[in-house]
Amino acid sequence: MSSSPFCEQCGKSIELVIHAVRDCDFAQLKWKSLLPRNAWNVFFNFHIGEWIHWNIMNKGMLNVDGGEWMDEIFKIEARAIVEGMKLAWLKGFKQVEINYDNAMLIDTICNRFASISNIAEVRIIHEWCNKDWKVKFRHVLRGSNKVVDCLVKAAIKKLNQVVLFPVPPQYIIRLLEDDTYDSLYEETTVSIHS
């Protein structure tokens, strides 16, 4: 994994939210295969907030053979955030920071679109944010998320259960230091809910 702020796919731009999910040449190829040609001009020229709203309102426009693959990705990743929030709540935390590398999901939450999302798990995140605590969401680049990547690989055989690491495993300490260092120098999206 690279710690460069530039897009790992095209290398042309800093990997900001809108670049990663829409403006990268590779992302555009995928979107163009899913959208009717007459929607391209509008779709590729909206500012991020307008673009998310347009996507929510025009969900049926995607030409996806076999179903709702983007919804499924959102559901799975949103469910992971919900489960983490539940666990933090049960442990009694009053301030939580959620670092996540799904730029579109974090942007949906941070731009207050979670409450109107078509995806129940995203609306549940909004509900959990309204509890009596402070929740901070932060987009991190994939390259600054090495710890999570490693822990997921370590827990892969335990997919249907929560795996807790009360103390970071020894093999994670160096990656944790790297992620902390990398995250200090990247541009992020932050939203605080209280």
N, C-alpha and C. Protein backbone atom coordinates (compact mmCIF):
# COMPACT_ATOMS: atom_id res chain seq x y z
N MET A 1 0.83 -1.18 0.00
CA MET A 1 0.00 0.00 0.00
C MET A 1 0.87 1.24 0.00
N SER A 2 0.42 2.23 -0.71
CA SER A 2 1.15 3.47 -0.81
C SER A 2 0.65 4.48 0.21
N SER A 3 1.56 5.33 0.69
CA SER A 3 1.13 6.39 1.59
C SER A 3 1.05 7.71 0.84
N SER A 4 1.18 7.67 -0.47
CA SER A 4 1.07 8.86 -1.29
C SER A 4 -0.37 9.36 -1.30
N PRO A 5 -0.56 10.68 -1.30
CA PRO A 5 -1.92 11.21 -1.34
C PRO A 5 -2.55 11.10 -2.72
N PHE A 6 -1.75 10.73 -3.74
CA PHE A 6 -2.28 10.65 -5.10
C PHE A 6 -3.01 9.34 -5.32
N CYS A 7 -3.98 9.40 -6.22
CA CYS A 7 -4.80 8.25 -6.55
C CYS A 7 -3.93 7.07 -6.96
N GLU A 8 -4.16 5.91 -6.34
CA GLU A 8 -3.39 4.72 -6.67
C GLU A 8 -3.74 4.16 -8.04
N GLN A 9 -4.92 4.51 -8.56
CA GLN A 9 -5.36 4.00 -9.85
C GLN A 9 -4.76 4.78 -11.02
N CYS A 10 -4.95 6.12 -11.01
CA CYS A 10 -4.53 6.92 -12.16
C CYS A 10 -3.30 7.77 -11.87
N GLY A 11 -3.03 8.08 -10.60
CA GLY A 11 -1.88 8.90 -10.23
C GLY A 11 -1.97 10.35 -10.65
N LYS A 12 -3.12 10.77 -11.19
CA LYS A 12 -3.27 12.12 -11.74
C LYS A 12 -3.69 13.16 -10.72
N SER A 13 -4.35 12.75 -9.67
CA SER A 13 -4.93 13.72 -8.76
C SER A 13 -4.80 13.22 -7.32
N ILE A 14 -4.87 14.16 -6.39
CA ILE A 14 -4.92 13.78 -4.98
C ILE A 14 -6.23 13.01 -4.78
N GLU A 15 -6.16 11.94 -4.02
CA GLU A 15 -7.31 11.05 -3.86
C GLU A 15 -8.31 11.64 -2.86
N LEU A 16 -9.02 12.67 -3.31
CA LEU A 16 -10.10 13.23 -2.52
C LEU A 16 -11.35 12.39 -2.75
N VAL A 17 -12.36 12.63 -1.96
CA VAL A 17 -13.59 11.85 -2.03
C VAL A 17 -14.13 11.76 -3.44
N ILE A 18 -14.38 12.91 -4.05
CA ILE A 18 -15.05 12.92 -5.35
C ILE A 18 -14.16 12.30 -6.44
N HIS A 19 -12.85 12.45 -6.31
CA HIS A 19 -11.96 11.83 -7.29
C HIS A 19 -12.04 10.30 -7.19
N ALA A 20 -11.95 9.79 -5.97
CA ALA A 20 -11.92 8.35 -5.77
C ALA A 20 -13.19 7.66 -6.27
N VAL A 21 -14.33 8.30 -6.09
CA VAL A 21 -15.59 7.62 -6.42
C VAL A 21 -16.19 8.03 -7.75
N ARG A 22 -15.69 9.14 -8.36
CA ARG A 22 -16.32 9.57 -9.61
C ARG A 22 -15.34 10.06 -10.66
N ASP A 23 -14.38 10.89 -10.31
CA ASP A 23 -13.60 11.60 -11.31
C ASP A 23 -12.36 10.87 -11.82
N CYS A 24 -11.90 9.87 -11.11
CA CYS A 24 -10.77 9.07 -11.58
C CYS A 24 -11.14 8.42 -12.91
N ASP A 25 -10.18 8.35 -13.84
CA ASP A 25 -10.45 7.75 -15.15
C ASP A 25 -11.02 6.34 -15.01
N PHE A 26 -10.51 5.57 -14.04
CA PHE A 26 -10.98 4.20 -13.85
C PHE A 26 -12.42 4.19 -13.31
N ALA A 27 -12.72 5.09 -12.38
CA ALA A 27 -14.09 5.18 -11.86
C ALA A 27 -15.04 5.62 -12.95
N GLN A 28 -14.61 6.57 -13.79
CA GLN A 28 -15.48 7.04 -14.87
C GLN A 28 -15.82 5.93 -15.85
N LEU A 29 -14.85 5.09 -16.15
CA LEU A 29 -15.13 3.96 -17.04
C LEU A 29 -16.25 3.08 -16.48
N LYS A 30 -16.16 2.80 -15.18
CA LYS A 30 -17.19 1.96 -14.54
C LYS A 30 -18.55 2.66 -14.57
N TRP A 31 -18.56 3.95 -14.17
CA TRP A 31 -19.82 4.69 -14.16
C TRP A 31 -20.43 4.75 -15.56
N LYS A 32 -19.61 4.98 -16.58
CA LYS A 32 -20.13 5.08 -17.95
C LYS A 32 -20.73 3.76 -18.42
N SER A 33 -20.24 2.65 -17.88
CA SER A 33 -20.83 1.36 -18.24
C SER A 33 -22.17 1.13 -17.53
N LEU A 34 -22.44 1.90 -16.46
CA LEU A 34 -23.65 1.72 -15.69
C LEU A 34 -24.74 2.75 -15.99
N LEU A 35 -24.33 3.93 -16.46
CA LEU A 35 -25.28 5.03 -16.66
C LEU A 35 -25.64 5.18 -18.13
N PRO A 36 -26.88 5.60 -18.40
CA PRO A 36 -27.23 5.92 -19.78
C PRO A 36 -26.44 7.15 -20.23
N ARG A 37 -26.05 7.19 -21.48
CA ARG A 37 -25.23 8.28 -22.02
C ARG A 37 -25.83 9.65 -21.76
N ASN A 38 -27.15 9.78 -21.80
CA ASN A 38 -27.78 11.09 -21.62
C ASN A 38 -27.65 11.61 -20.18
N ALA A 39 -27.18 10.80 -19.25
CA ALA A 39 -27.00 11.24 -17.85
C ALA A 39 -25.56 11.64 -17.56
N TRP A 40 -24.62 11.35 -18.46
CA TRP A 40 -23.21 11.58 -18.19
C TRP A 40 -22.88 13.03 -17.86
N ASN A 41 -23.36 13.96 -18.66
CA ASN A 41 -23.02 15.37 -18.47
C ASN A 41 -23.41 15.86 -17.07
N VAL A 42 -24.62 15.55 -16.67
CA VAL A 42 -25.09 15.96 -15.34
C VAL A 42 -24.31 15.23 -14.26
N PHE A 43 -24.19 13.92 -14.39
CA PHE A 43 -23.57 13.07 -13.38
C PHE A 43 -22.13 13.48 -13.09
N PHE A 44 -21.34 13.77 -14.14
CA PHE A 44 -19.92 14.05 -13.95
C PHE A 44 -19.60 15.51 -13.66
N ASN A 45 -20.58 16.38 -13.60
CA ASN A 45 -20.30 17.80 -13.39
C ASN A 45 -20.89 18.39 -12.11
N PHE A 46 -21.62 17.60 -11.34
CA PHE A 46 -22.15 18.09 -10.06
C PHE A 46 -21.03 18.25 -9.03
N HIS A 47 -21.22 19.20 -8.11
CA HIS A 47 -20.36 19.26 -6.92
C HIS A 47 -20.75 18.08 -6.04
N ILE A 48 -19.90 17.71 -5.09
CA ILE A 48 -20.08 16.48 -4.32
C ILE A 48 -21.45 16.37 -3.65
N GLY A 49 -21.92 17.41 -2.96
CA GLY A 49 -23.21 17.36 -2.29
C GLY A 49 -24.36 17.16 -3.26
N GLU A 50 -24.32 17.88 -4.37
CA GLU A 50 -25.36 17.74 -5.40
C GLU A 50 -25.30 16.35 -6.02
N TRP A 51 -24.09 15.86 -6.20
CA TRP A 51 -23.90 14.56 -6.82
C TRP A 51 -24.48 13.44 -5.95
N ILE A 52 -24.23 13.50 -4.65
CA ILE A 52 -24.78 12.48 -3.74
C ILE A 52 -26.30 12.55 -3.75
N HIS A 53 -26.83 13.76 -3.66
CA HIS A 53 -28.29 13.93 -3.68
C HIS A 53 -28.87 13.39 -4.99
N TRP A 54 -28.24 13.70 -6.11
CA TRP A 54 -28.71 13.22 -7.42
C TRP A 54 -28.72 11.69 -7.44
N ASN A 55 -27.67 11.07 -6.88
CA ASN A 55 -27.59 9.61 -6.85
C ASN A 55 -28.69 9.00 -5.99
N ILE A 56 -28.99 9.65 -4.87
CA ILE A 56 -30.06 9.15 -4.00
C ILE A 56 -31.40 9.23 -4.73
N MET A 57 -31.62 10.34 -5.40
CA MET A 57 -32.91 10.57 -6.06
C MET A 57 -33.06 9.76 -7.36
N ASN A 58 -31.97 9.39 -8.02
CA ASN A 58 -32.01 8.70 -9.31
C ASN A 58 -31.46 7.29 -9.22
N LYS A 59 -31.69 6.65 -8.12
CA LYS A 59 -31.16 5.32 -7.86
C LYS A 59 -31.48 4.32 -8.97
N GLY A 60 -32.67 4.41 -9.53
CA GLY A 60 -33.10 3.45 -10.54
C GLY A 60 -32.47 3.64 -11.90
N MET A 61 -31.69 4.71 -12.08
CA MET A 61 -31.11 5.01 -13.38
C MET A 61 -29.93 4.10 -13.71
N LEU A 62 -29.29 3.51 -12.70
CA LEU A 62 -28.14 2.66 -12.96
C LEU A 62 -28.54 1.43 -13.74
N ASN A 63 -27.74 1.11 -14.75
CA ASN A 63 -27.97 -0.05 -15.60
C ASN A 63 -27.12 -1.20 -15.09
N VAL A 64 -27.51 -1.76 -13.95
CA VAL A 64 -26.72 -2.80 -13.32
C VAL A 64 -27.39 -4.14 -13.57
N ASP A 65 -26.68 -5.00 -14.27
CA ASP A 65 -27.22 -6.32 -14.56
C ASP A 65 -27.14 -7.18 -13.31
N GLY A 66 -28.27 -7.66 -12.85
CA GLY A 66 -28.28 -8.57 -11.72
C GLY A 66 -28.46 -7.92 -10.37
N GLY A 67 -28.67 -6.63 -10.29
CA GLY A 67 -29.02 -6.09 -8.99
C GLY A 67 -28.29 -4.87 -8.53
N GLU A 68 -28.27 -4.72 -7.24
CA GLU A 68 -27.89 -3.49 -6.57
C GLU A 68 -26.54 -3.65 -5.89
N TRP A 69 -25.49 -3.83 -6.68
CA TRP A 69 -24.18 -4.09 -6.09
C TRP A 69 -23.66 -2.92 -5.26
N MET A 70 -23.93 -1.68 -5.67
CA MET A 70 -23.46 -0.55 -4.87
C MET A 70 -24.19 -0.49 -3.54
N ASP A 71 -25.48 -0.76 -3.54
CA ASP A 71 -26.23 -0.81 -2.29
C ASP A 71 -25.64 -1.86 -1.36
N GLU A 72 -25.26 -3.00 -1.91
CA GLU A 72 -24.72 -4.08 -1.08
C GLU A 72 -23.40 -3.66 -0.43
N ILE A 73 -22.54 -2.99 -1.18
CA ILE A 73 -21.28 -2.51 -0.61
C ILE A 73 -21.57 -1.54 0.52
N PHE A 74 -22.48 -0.59 0.26
CA PHE A 74 -22.85 0.38 1.29
C PHE A 74 -23.42 -0.32 2.51
N LYS A 75 -24.30 -1.29 2.30
CA LYS A 75 -24.93 -2.00 3.42
C LYS A 75 -23.89 -2.71 4.28
N ILE A 76 -22.98 -3.40 3.64
CA ILE A 76 -21.96 -4.15 4.38
C ILE A 76 -21.06 -3.20 5.17
N GLU A 77 -20.60 -2.15 4.51
CA GLU A 77 -19.69 -1.23 5.19
C GLU A 77 -20.41 -0.39 6.23
N ALA A 78 -21.65 0.00 5.95
CA ALA A 78 -22.43 0.75 6.94
C ALA A 78 -22.74 -0.13 8.14
N ARG A 79 -23.03 -1.41 7.90
CA ARG A 79 -23.29 -2.34 9.00
C ARG A 79 -22.06 -2.46 9.89
N ALA A 80 -20.87 -2.46 9.31
CA ALA A 80 -19.64 -2.51 10.11
C ALA A 80 -19.53 -1.28 11.01
N ILE A 81 -19.87 -0.11 10.48
CA ILE A 81 -19.83 1.11 11.30
C ILE A 81 -20.87 1.03 12.41
N VAL A 82 -22.08 0.57 12.08
CA VAL A 82 -23.14 0.44 13.09
C VAL A 82 -22.70 -0.49 14.21
N GLU A 83 -22.14 -1.63 13.86
CA GLU A 83 -21.70 -2.59 14.88
C GLU A 83 -20.60 -2.00 15.75
N GLY A 84 -19.68 -1.26 15.14
CA GLY A 84 -18.64 -0.59 15.91
C GLY A 84 -19.21 0.46 16.85
N MET A 85 -20.21 1.21 16.37
CA MET A 85 -20.85 2.22 17.21
C MET A 85 -21.58 1.57 18.38
N LYS A 86 -22.26 0.46 18.12
CA LYS A 86 -22.96 -0.26 19.19
C LYS A 86 -21.97 -0.72 20.26
N LEU A 87 -20.87 -1.28 19.80
CA LEU A 87 -19.86 -1.78 20.72
C LEU A 87 -19.29 -0.64 21.57
N ALA A 88 -18.99 0.49 20.94
CA ALA A 88 -18.45 1.65 21.67
C ALA A 88 -19.48 2.15 22.68
N TRP A 89 -20.75 2.18 22.30
CA TRP A 89 -21.83 2.63 23.20
C TRP A 89 -21.93 1.70 24.41
N LEU A 90 -21.92 0.38 24.14
CA LEU A 90 -22.02 -0.59 25.23
C LEU A 90 -20.81 -0.53 26.17
N LYS A 91 -19.67 -0.15 25.65
CA LYS A 91 -18.47 -0.01 26.47
C LYS A 91 -18.46 1.31 27.24
N GLY A 92 -19.44 2.19 26.97
CA GLY A 92 -19.57 3.43 27.72
C GLY A 92 -18.79 4.62 27.19
N PHE A 93 -18.29 4.52 25.97
CA PHE A 93 -17.55 5.64 25.41
C PHE A 93 -18.50 6.81 25.14
N LYS A 94 -18.03 8.02 25.41
CA LYS A 94 -18.83 9.23 25.17
C LYS A 94 -18.28 10.05 24.00
N GLN A 95 -17.09 9.70 23.53
CA GLN A 95 -16.50 10.32 22.34
C GLN A 95 -15.89 9.22 21.49
N VAL A 96 -16.25 9.20 20.22
CA VAL A 96 -15.78 8.15 19.32
C VAL A 96 -15.32 8.80 18.02
N GLU A 97 -14.19 8.35 17.51
CA GLU A 97 -13.74 8.77 16.18
C GLU A 97 -13.76 7.54 15.28
N ILE A 98 -14.46 7.66 14.16
CA ILE A 98 -14.57 6.56 13.21
C ILE A 98 -13.77 6.93 11.97
N ASN A 99 -12.69 6.21 11.73
CA ASN A 99 -11.85 6.41 10.54
C ASN A 99 -12.23 5.33 9.54
N TYR A 100 -12.54 5.76 8.33
CA TYR A 100 -13.01 4.78 7.35
C TYR A 100 -12.52 5.17 5.97
N ASP A 101 -12.22 4.18 5.13
CA ASP A 101 -11.67 4.49 3.81
C ASP A 101 -12.70 4.47 2.69
N ASN A 102 -13.98 4.30 3.01
CA ASN A 102 -15.02 4.40 1.99
C ASN A 102 -15.44 5.87 1.92
N ALA A 103 -14.86 6.59 0.97
CA ALA A 103 -15.08 8.03 0.86
C ALA A 103 -16.55 8.38 0.65
N MET A 104 -17.24 7.60 -0.16
CA MET A 104 -18.64 7.92 -0.45
C MET A 104 -19.51 7.74 0.79
N LEU A 105 -19.27 6.70 1.55
CA LEU A 105 -20.05 6.46 2.75
C LEU A 105 -19.80 7.56 3.79
N ILE A 106 -18.55 7.92 4.01
CA ILE A 106 -18.24 8.98 4.97
C ILE A 106 -18.84 10.30 4.50
N ASP A 107 -18.76 10.58 3.21
CA ASP A 107 -19.34 11.82 2.70
C ASP A 107 -20.86 11.84 2.86
N THR A 108 -21.51 10.72 2.64
CA THR A 108 -22.96 10.63 2.82
C THR A 108 -23.32 10.97 4.26
N ILE A 109 -22.56 10.44 5.20
CA ILE A 109 -22.82 10.71 6.62
C ILE A 109 -22.50 12.16 6.96
N CYS A 110 -21.34 12.64 6.53
CA CYS A 110 -20.89 13.99 6.90
C CYS A 110 -21.72 15.09 6.27
N ASN A 111 -22.30 14.84 5.11
CA ASN A 111 -23.10 15.86 4.44
C ASN A 111 -24.58 15.75 4.77
N ARG A 112 -24.88 15.04 5.85
CA ARG A 112 -26.23 14.93 6.38
C ARG A 112 -27.23 14.25 5.44
N PHE A 113 -26.72 13.40 4.54
CA PHE A 113 -27.62 12.65 3.68
C PHE A 113 -28.01 11.30 4.29
N ALA A 114 -27.40 10.94 5.42
CA ALA A 114 -27.67 9.64 6.04
C ALA A 114 -29.13 9.49 6.43
N SER A 115 -29.75 10.57 6.91
CA SER A 115 -31.13 10.49 7.38
C SER A 115 -32.12 10.23 6.26
N ILE A 116 -31.75 10.53 5.01
CA ILE A 116 -32.67 10.33 3.88
C ILE A 116 -32.22 9.21 2.95
N SER A 117 -31.21 8.47 3.35
CA SER A 117 -30.68 7.40 2.51
C SER A 117 -31.72 6.31 2.29
N ASN A 118 -31.65 5.68 1.11
CA ASN A 118 -32.50 4.53 0.82
C ASN A 118 -32.00 3.27 1.52
N ILE A 119 -30.84 3.35 2.11
CA ILE A 119 -30.21 2.18 2.73
C ILE A 119 -30.42 2.27 4.25
N ALA A 120 -31.12 1.29 4.79
CA ALA A 120 -31.49 1.30 6.21
C ALA A 120 -30.27 1.40 7.12
N GLU A 121 -29.20 0.70 6.80
CA GLU A 121 -28.01 0.73 7.65
C GLU A 121 -27.42 2.13 7.75
N VAL A 122 -27.49 2.90 6.68
CA VAL A 122 -26.98 4.27 6.70
C VAL A 122 -27.88 5.15 7.58
N ARG A 123 -29.18 4.94 7.49
CA ARG A 123 -30.11 5.69 8.37
C ARG A 123 -29.87 5.32 9.83
N ILE A 124 -29.52 4.07 10.11
CA ILE A 124 -29.24 3.64 11.48
C ILE A 124 -28.00 4.37 12.02
N ILE A 125 -27.00 4.58 11.17
CA ILE A 125 -25.82 5.36 11.59
C ILE A 125 -26.28 6.74 12.05
N HIS A 126 -27.15 7.36 11.28
CA HIS A 126 -27.68 8.68 11.63
C HIS A 126 -28.36 8.63 13.00
N GLU A 127 -29.16 7.59 13.23
CA GLU A 127 -29.85 7.44 14.52
C GLU A 127 -28.85 7.29 15.67
N TRP A 128 -27.80 6.50 15.46
CA TRP A 128 -26.79 6.31 16.50
C TRP A 128 -26.03 7.61 16.77
N CYS A 129 -25.85 8.43 15.75
CA CYS A 129 -25.16 9.72 15.94
C CYS A 129 -25.96 10.66 16.83
N ASN A 130 -27.27 10.48 16.87
CA ASN A 130 -28.14 11.37 17.64
C ASN A 130 -28.24 10.99 19.12
N LYS A 131 -27.51 9.96 19.53
CA LYS A 131 -27.49 9.60 20.95
C LYS A 131 -26.65 10.62 21.72
N ASP A 132 -26.61 10.48 23.02
CA ASP A 132 -25.91 11.43 23.88
C ASP A 132 -24.41 11.12 23.92
N TRP A 133 -23.73 11.43 22.82
CA TRP A 133 -22.29 11.27 22.73
C TRP A 133 -21.78 12.05 21.54
N LYS A 134 -20.47 12.17 21.43
CA LYS A 134 -19.87 12.86 20.29
C LYS A 134 -19.25 11.81 19.37
N VAL A 135 -19.63 11.86 18.10
CA VAL A 135 -19.09 10.94 17.11
C VAL A 135 -18.43 11.76 16.01
N LYS A 136 -17.20 11.43 15.71
CA LYS A 136 -16.44 12.14 14.67
C LYS A 136 -16.13 11.13 13.57
N PHE A 137 -16.49 11.47 12.33
CA PHE A 137 -16.19 10.62 11.19
C PHE A 137 -15.03 11.22 10.42
N ARG A 138 -14.15 10.37 9.96
CA ARG A 138 -12.98 10.85 9.25
C ARG A 138 -12.66 9.90 8.11
N HIS A 139 -12.55 10.46 6.91
CA HIS A 139 -12.13 9.64 5.77
C HIS A 139 -10.62 9.51 5.82
N VAL A 140 -10.13 8.29 5.70
CA VAL A 140 -8.69 8.05 5.61
C VAL A 140 -8.42 7.36 4.28
N LEU A 141 -7.28 7.65 3.71
CA LEU A 141 -6.90 6.99 2.46
C LEU A 141 -6.63 5.52 2.72
N ARG A 142 -6.83 4.71 1.71
CA ARG A 142 -6.58 3.27 1.86
C ARG A 142 -5.16 3.00 2.36
N GLY A 143 -4.21 3.78 1.89
CA GLY A 143 -2.82 3.58 2.30
C GLY A 143 -2.56 3.92 3.75
N SER A 144 -3.47 4.64 4.38
CA SER A 144 -3.33 4.98 5.80
C SER A 144 -4.23 4.11 6.66
N ASN A 145 -4.62 2.99 6.15
CA ASN A 145 -5.53 2.10 6.85
C ASN A 145 -4.93 0.68 6.92
N LYS A 146 -3.63 0.61 7.07
CA LYS A 146 -2.93 -0.67 7.06
C LYS A 146 -3.31 -1.56 8.24
N VAL A 147 -3.57 -0.94 9.39
CA VAL A 147 -3.93 -1.72 10.58
C VAL A 147 -5.22 -2.49 10.34
N VAL A 148 -6.23 -1.79 9.84
CA VAL A 148 -7.52 -2.44 9.59
C VAL A 148 -7.35 -3.56 8.58
N ASP A 149 -6.61 -3.31 7.52
CA ASP A 149 -6.39 -4.32 6.50
C ASP A 149 -5.75 -5.57 7.11
N CYS A 150 -4.76 -5.38 7.93
CA CYS A 150 -4.07 -6.50 8.57
C CYS A 150 -4.99 -7.25 9.54
N LEU A 151 -5.76 -6.49 10.36
CA LEU A 151 -6.66 -7.13 11.32
C LEU A 151 -7.77 -7.92 10.63
N VAL A 152 -8.27 -7.38 9.53
CA VAL A 152 -9.30 -8.10 8.77
C VAL A 152 -8.74 -9.42 8.27
N LYS A 153 -7.54 -9.39 7.75
CA LYS A 153 -6.92 -10.63 7.26
C LYS A 153 -6.70 -11.62 8.40
N ALA A 154 -6.35 -11.11 9.60
CA ALA A 154 -6.13 -11.99 10.76
C ALA A 154 -7.44 -12.62 11.24
N ALA A 155 -8.56 -11.89 11.08
CA ALA A 155 -9.85 -12.37 11.58
C ALA A 155 -10.72 -12.99 10.50
N ILE A 156 -10.18 -13.21 9.31
CA ILE A 156 -10.98 -13.65 8.17
C ILE A 156 -11.72 -14.97 8.41
N LYS A 157 -11.17 -15.84 9.26
CA LYS A 157 -11.82 -17.12 9.53
C LYS A 157 -12.97 -16.98 10.52
N LYS A 158 -13.15 -15.80 11.08
CA LYS A 158 -14.19 -15.57 12.08
C LYS A 158 -15.19 -14.56 11.55
N LEU A 159 -15.64 -14.73 10.32
CA LEU A 159 -16.48 -13.74 9.65
C LEU A 159 -17.83 -13.50 10.33
N ASN A 160 -18.38 -14.49 10.98
CA ASN A 160 -19.72 -14.34 11.57
C ASN A 160 -19.69 -13.99 13.05
N GLN A 161 -18.60 -13.44 13.52
CA GLN A 161 -18.53 -13.06 14.93
C GLN A 161 -17.68 -11.79 15.09
N VAL A 162 -17.91 -11.11 16.18
CA VAL A 162 -17.13 -9.92 16.49
C VAL A 162 -15.80 -10.37 17.08
N VAL A 163 -14.72 -9.80 16.58
CA VAL A 163 -13.39 -10.12 17.08
C VAL A 163 -12.86 -8.87 17.77
N LEU A 164 -12.60 -8.97 19.06
CA LEU A 164 -12.10 -7.84 19.83
C LEU A 164 -10.61 -8.01 20.12
N PHE A 165 -9.88 -6.93 20.00
CA PHE A 165 -8.47 -6.91 20.36
C PHE A 165 -8.32 -5.87 21.46
N PRO A 166 -8.48 -6.25 22.74
CA PRO A 166 -8.36 -5.27 23.83
C PRO A 166 -6.99 -4.59 23.86
N VAL A 167 -5.97 -5.33 23.46
CA VAL A 167 -4.61 -4.79 23.35
C VAL A 167 -4.16 -5.07 21.92
N PRO A 168 -3.58 -4.09 21.24
CA PRO A 168 -3.15 -4.35 19.86
C PRO A 168 -2.14 -5.50 19.81
N PRO A 169 -2.32 -6.46 18.91
CA PRO A 169 -1.33 -7.54 18.77
C PRO A 169 0.03 -6.94 18.41
N GLN A 170 1.09 -7.60 18.81
CA GLN A 170 2.44 -7.10 18.60
C GLN A 170 2.72 -6.79 17.13
N TYR A 171 2.23 -7.63 16.21
CA TYR A 171 2.50 -7.43 14.80
C TYR A 171 1.81 -6.20 14.23
N ILE A 172 0.93 -5.57 15.01
CA ILE A 172 0.19 -4.39 14.56
C ILE A 172 0.87 -3.08 14.97
N ILE A 173 1.69 -3.11 15.99
CA ILE A 173 2.25 -1.89 16.57
C ILE A 173 2.94 -1.01 15.51
N ARG A 174 3.80 -1.59 14.69
CA ARG A 174 4.50 -0.80 13.66
C ARG A 174 3.51 -0.23 12.63
N LEU A 175 2.55 -1.04 12.23
CA LEU A 175 1.54 -0.55 11.28
C LEU A 175 0.73 0.59 11.89
N LEU A 176 0.43 0.48 13.17
CA LEU A 176 -0.30 1.53 13.88
C LEU A 176 0.49 2.84 13.85
N GLU A 177 1.78 2.75 14.09
CA GLU A 177 2.64 3.93 14.02
C GLU A 177 2.66 4.51 12.61
N ASP A 178 2.76 3.65 11.60
CA ASP A 178 2.75 4.11 10.20
C ASP A 178 1.44 4.80 9.85
N ASP A 179 0.32 4.18 10.22
CA ASP A 179 -0.99 4.77 9.93
C ASP A 179 -1.15 6.13 10.61
N THR A 180 -0.71 6.22 11.85
CA THR A 180 -0.81 7.49 12.58
C THR A 180 0.01 8.56 11.88
N TYR A 181 1.23 8.23 11.49
CA TYR A 181 2.09 9.18 10.80
C TYR A 181 1.46 9.59 9.46
N ASP A 182 1.00 8.61 8.67
CA ASP A 182 0.41 8.90 7.36
C ASP A 182 -0.83 9.77 7.47
N SER A 183 -1.65 9.51 8.48
CA SER A 183 -2.91 10.24 8.60
C SER A 183 -2.70 11.70 8.99
N LEU A 184 -1.54 12.02 9.55
CA LEU A 184 -1.25 13.41 9.92
C LEU A 184 -1.06 14.29 8.69
N TYR A 185 -0.72 13.68 7.56
CA TYR A 185 -0.37 14.45 6.37
C TYR A 185 -1.37 14.31 5.23
N GLU A 186 -2.51 13.73 5.48
CA GLU A 186 -3.49 13.59 4.41
C GLU A 186 -4.67 14.51 4.65
N GLU A 187 -5.32 14.86 3.56
CA GLU A 187 -6.53 15.68 3.64
C GLU A 187 -7.68 14.76 3.98
N THR A 188 -8.52 15.17 4.92
CA THR A 188 -9.58 14.30 5.37
C THR A 188 -10.91 15.03 5.45
N THR A 189 -11.98 14.27 5.50
CA THR A 189 -13.30 14.80 5.72
C THR A 189 -13.65 14.50 7.17
N VAL A 190 -14.04 15.50 7.90
CA VAL A 190 -14.38 15.30 9.30
C VAL A 190 -15.74 15.90 9.58
N SER A 191 -16.55 15.17 10.30
CA SER A 191 -17.83 15.70 10.75
C SER A 191 -18.02 15.26 12.18
N ILE A 192 -18.49 16.17 13.01
CA ILE A 192 -18.71 15.83 14.41
C ILE A 192 -20.19 15.90 14.70
N HIS A 193 -20.71 14.85 15.26
CA HIS A 193 -22.12 14.79 15.66
C HIS A 193 -22.17 14.77 17.18
N SER A 194 -23.11 15.48 17.75
CA SER A 194 -23.24 15.42 19.21
C SER A 194 -24.68 15.31 19.61
